Amino acid sequence: MSSHPTHFQGSVTEAIEAAVRAAIPDARVAASGSGGHYVVEVISPVFEGKGTLARHRLVLTSIAHLMSGDMAPVHAVDKLITETA
């Protein structure tokens, strides 16, 4: 995995999981990765009836603050899995 410079203190995966849970309170969230590249899996009934783009927007909007700026801790979400159950 490549290195990605950031000033972020703490666990990036925990920050991703907390941000998604704040936006989607009933979600089961698992994030993994390092070096600015992450895989995020979110399971929630809120995705019911929504297409892939709408599901991904919900998740990516919730972590946008972790992806903003030159020294953002999240450079890319390499894989985003969104399921209803």
C-alpha atoms as a PDB file:
ATOM      1  CA  MET A   1       0.000   0.000   0.000  1.00  0.00           C
ATOM      2  CA  SER A   2       1.283   3.460  -0.812  1.00  0.00           C
ATOM      3  CA  SER A   3       1.971   6.195   1.681  1.00  0.00           C
ATOM      4  CA  HIS A   4      -0.310   9.207   1.852  1.00  0.00           C
ATOM      5  CA  PRO A   5       0.813  12.241   3.901  1.00  0.00           C
ATOM      6  CA  THR A   6      -1.714  13.531   6.424  1.00  0.00           C
ATOM      7  CA  HIS A   7      -1.802  15.377   9.720  1.00  0.00           C
ATOM      8  CA  PHE A   8      -4.755  13.294  10.915  1.00  0.00           C
ATOM      9  CA  GLN A   9      -4.349  11.915  14.418  1.00  0.00           C
ATOM     10  CA  GLY A  10      -6.018   8.645  15.390  1.00  0.00           C
ATOM     11  CA  SER A  11      -7.507   5.759  13.487  1.00  0.00           C
ATOM     12  CA  VAL A  12      -8.766   6.691  10.043  1.00  0.00           C
ATOM     13  CA  THR A  13     -10.851   3.516   9.797  1.00  0.00           C
ATOM     14  CA  GLU A  14     -12.561   4.334  13.104  1.00  0.00           C
ATOM     15  CA  ALA A  15     -13.199   7.897  11.894  1.00  0.00           C
ATOM     16  CA  ILE A  16     -14.769   6.577   8.685  1.00  0.00           C
ATOM     17  CA  GLU A  17     -16.972   4.144  10.614  1.00  0.00           C
ATOM     18  CA  ALA A  18     -18.066   6.829  13.105  1.00  0.00           C
ATOM     19  CA  ALA A  19     -18.891   9.326  10.351  1.00  0.00           C
ATOM     20  CA  VAL A  20     -21.019   6.807   8.458  1.00  0.00           C
ATOM     21  CA  ARG A  21     -22.834   5.748  11.650  1.00  0.00           C
ATOM     22  CA  ALA A  22     -23.549   9.408  12.442  1.00  0.00           C
ATOM     23  CA  ALA A  23     -25.194   9.834   9.032  1.00  0.00           C
ATOM     24  CA  ILE A  24     -26.857   6.399   8.954  1.00  0.00           C
ATOM     25  CA  PRO A  25     -27.478   5.505  12.615  1.00  0.00           C
ATOM     26  CA  ASP A  26     -28.718   1.935  12.047  1.00  0.00           C
ATOM     27  CA  ALA A  27     -25.813   1.000   9.762  1.00  0.00           C
ATOM     28  CA  ARG A  28     -23.337  -1.800  10.276  1.00  0.00           C
ATOM     29  CA  VAL A  29     -20.065  -0.359   9.041  1.00  0.00           C
ATOM     30  CA  ALA A  30     -16.632  -1.865   8.447  1.00  0.00           C
ATOM     31  CA  ALA A  31     -13.714   0.091   7.039  1.00  0.00           C
ATOM     32  CA  SER A  32     -10.271  -1.259   6.242  1.00  0.00           C
ATOM     33  CA  GLY A  33      -7.165  -0.048   4.512  1.00  0.00           C
ATOM     34  CA  SER A  34      -4.285   2.362   5.014  1.00  0.00           C
ATOM     35  CA  GLY A  35      -2.067   4.782   3.139  1.00  0.00           C
ATOM     36  CA  GLY A  36      -5.051   6.891   2.134  1.00  0.00           C
ATOM     37  CA  HIS A  37      -6.841   4.012   0.363  1.00  0.00           C
ATOM     38  CA  TYR A  38      -9.827   2.356   2.011  1.00  0.00           C
ATOM     39  CA  VAL A  39     -12.535  -0.242   1.541  1.00  0.00           C
ATOM     40  CA  VAL A  40     -15.857   0.575   3.176  1.00  0.00           C
ATOM     41  CA  GLU A  41     -18.764  -1.822   3.677  1.00  0.00           C
ATOM     42  CA  VAL A  42     -22.100  -0.471   4.883  1.00  0.00           C
ATOM     43  CA  ILE A  43     -25.204  -2.531   5.568  1.00  0.00           C
ATOM     44  CA  SER A  44     -28.435  -0.681   6.293  1.00  0.00           C
ATOM     45  CA  PRO A  45     -32.147  -0.875   5.488  1.00  0.00           C
ATOM     46  CA  VAL A  46     -31.941   2.814   4.472  1.00  0.00           C
ATOM     47  CA  PHE A  47     -30.561   1.602   1.127  1.00  0.00           C
ATOM     48  CA  GLU A  48     -33.787  -0.270   0.344  1.00  0.00           C
ATOM     49  CA  GLY A  49     -35.163   0.902  -3.003  1.00  0.00           C
ATOM     50  CA  LYS A  50     -32.131   3.081  -3.764  1.00  0.00           C
ATOM     51  CA  GLY A  51     -29.839   2.563  -6.723  1.00  0.00           C
ATOM     52  CA  THR A  52     -26.087   2.188  -6.456  1.00  0.00           C
ATOM     53  CA  LEU A  53     -25.374   5.869  -7.103  1.00  0.00           C
ATOM     54  CA  ALA A  54     -27.796   7.031  -4.385  1.00  0.00           C
ATOM     55  CA  ARG A  55     -26.360   4.524  -1.913  1.00  0.00           C
ATOM     56  CA  HIS A  56     -22.792   5.582  -2.628  1.00  0.00           C
ATOM     57  CA  ARG A  57     -23.682   9.270  -2.364  1.00  0.00           C
ATOM     58  CA  LEU A  58     -25.104   8.712   1.117  1.00  0.00           C
ATOM     59  CA  VAL A  59     -21.889   7.105   2.289  1.00  0.00           C
ATOM     60  CA  LEU A  60     -19.437   9.354   0.490  1.00  0.00           C
ATOM     61  CA  THR A  61     -21.242  12.494   1.670  1.00  0.00           C
ATOM     62  CA  SER A  62     -20.878  11.275   5.248  1.00  0.00           C
ATOM     63  CA  ILE A  63     -17.087  11.011   4.922  1.00  0.00           C
ATOM     64  CA  ALA A  64     -16.526  14.038   2.661  1.00  0.00           C
ATOM     65  CA  HIS A  65     -14.807  15.912   5.498  1.00  0.00           C
ATOM     66  CA  LEU A  66     -12.219  13.108   5.675  1.00  0.00           C
ATOM     67  CA  MET A  67     -11.555  13.449   1.940  1.00  0.00           C
ATOM     68  CA  SER A  68     -11.206  17.250   1.752  1.00  0.00           C
ATOM     69  CA  GLY A  69      -7.962  19.145   1.435  1.00  0.00           C
ATOM     70  CA  ASP A  70      -4.385  18.373   0.453  1.00  0.00           C
ATOM     71  CA  MET A  71      -3.622  16.460   3.655  1.00  0.00           C
ATOM     72  CA  ALA A  72      -6.929  14.590   3.897  1.00  0.00           C
ATOM     73  CA  PRO A  73      -6.602  11.194   5.609  1.00  0.00           C
ATOM     74  CA  VAL A  74      -8.754   9.503   2.950  1.00  0.00           C
ATOM     75  CA  HIS A  75      -7.341   9.818  -0.540  1.00  0.00           C
ATOM     76  CA  ALA A  76      -9.607   7.206  -2.129  1.00  0.00           C
ATOM     77  CA  VAL A  77     -12.336   4.714  -1.381  1.00  0.00           C
ATOM     78  CA  ASP A  78     -11.113   1.888  -3.572  1.00  0.00           C
ATOM     79  CA  LYS A  79     -14.177  -0.258  -2.935  1.00  0.00           C
ATOM     80  CA  LEU A  80     -17.547   0.712  -1.512  1.00  0.00           C
ATOM     81  CA  ILE A  81     -20.043  -2.021  -0.699  1.00  0.00           C
ATOM     82  CA  THR A  82     -23.592  -0.986   0.191  1.00  0.00           C
ATOM     83  CA  GLU A  83     -26.157  -3.644   1.043  1.00  0.00           C
ATOM     84  CA  THR A  84     -29.569  -3.795   2.683  1.00  0.00           C
ATOM     85  CA  ALA A  85     -29.000  -6.999   4.667  1.00  0.00           C
END
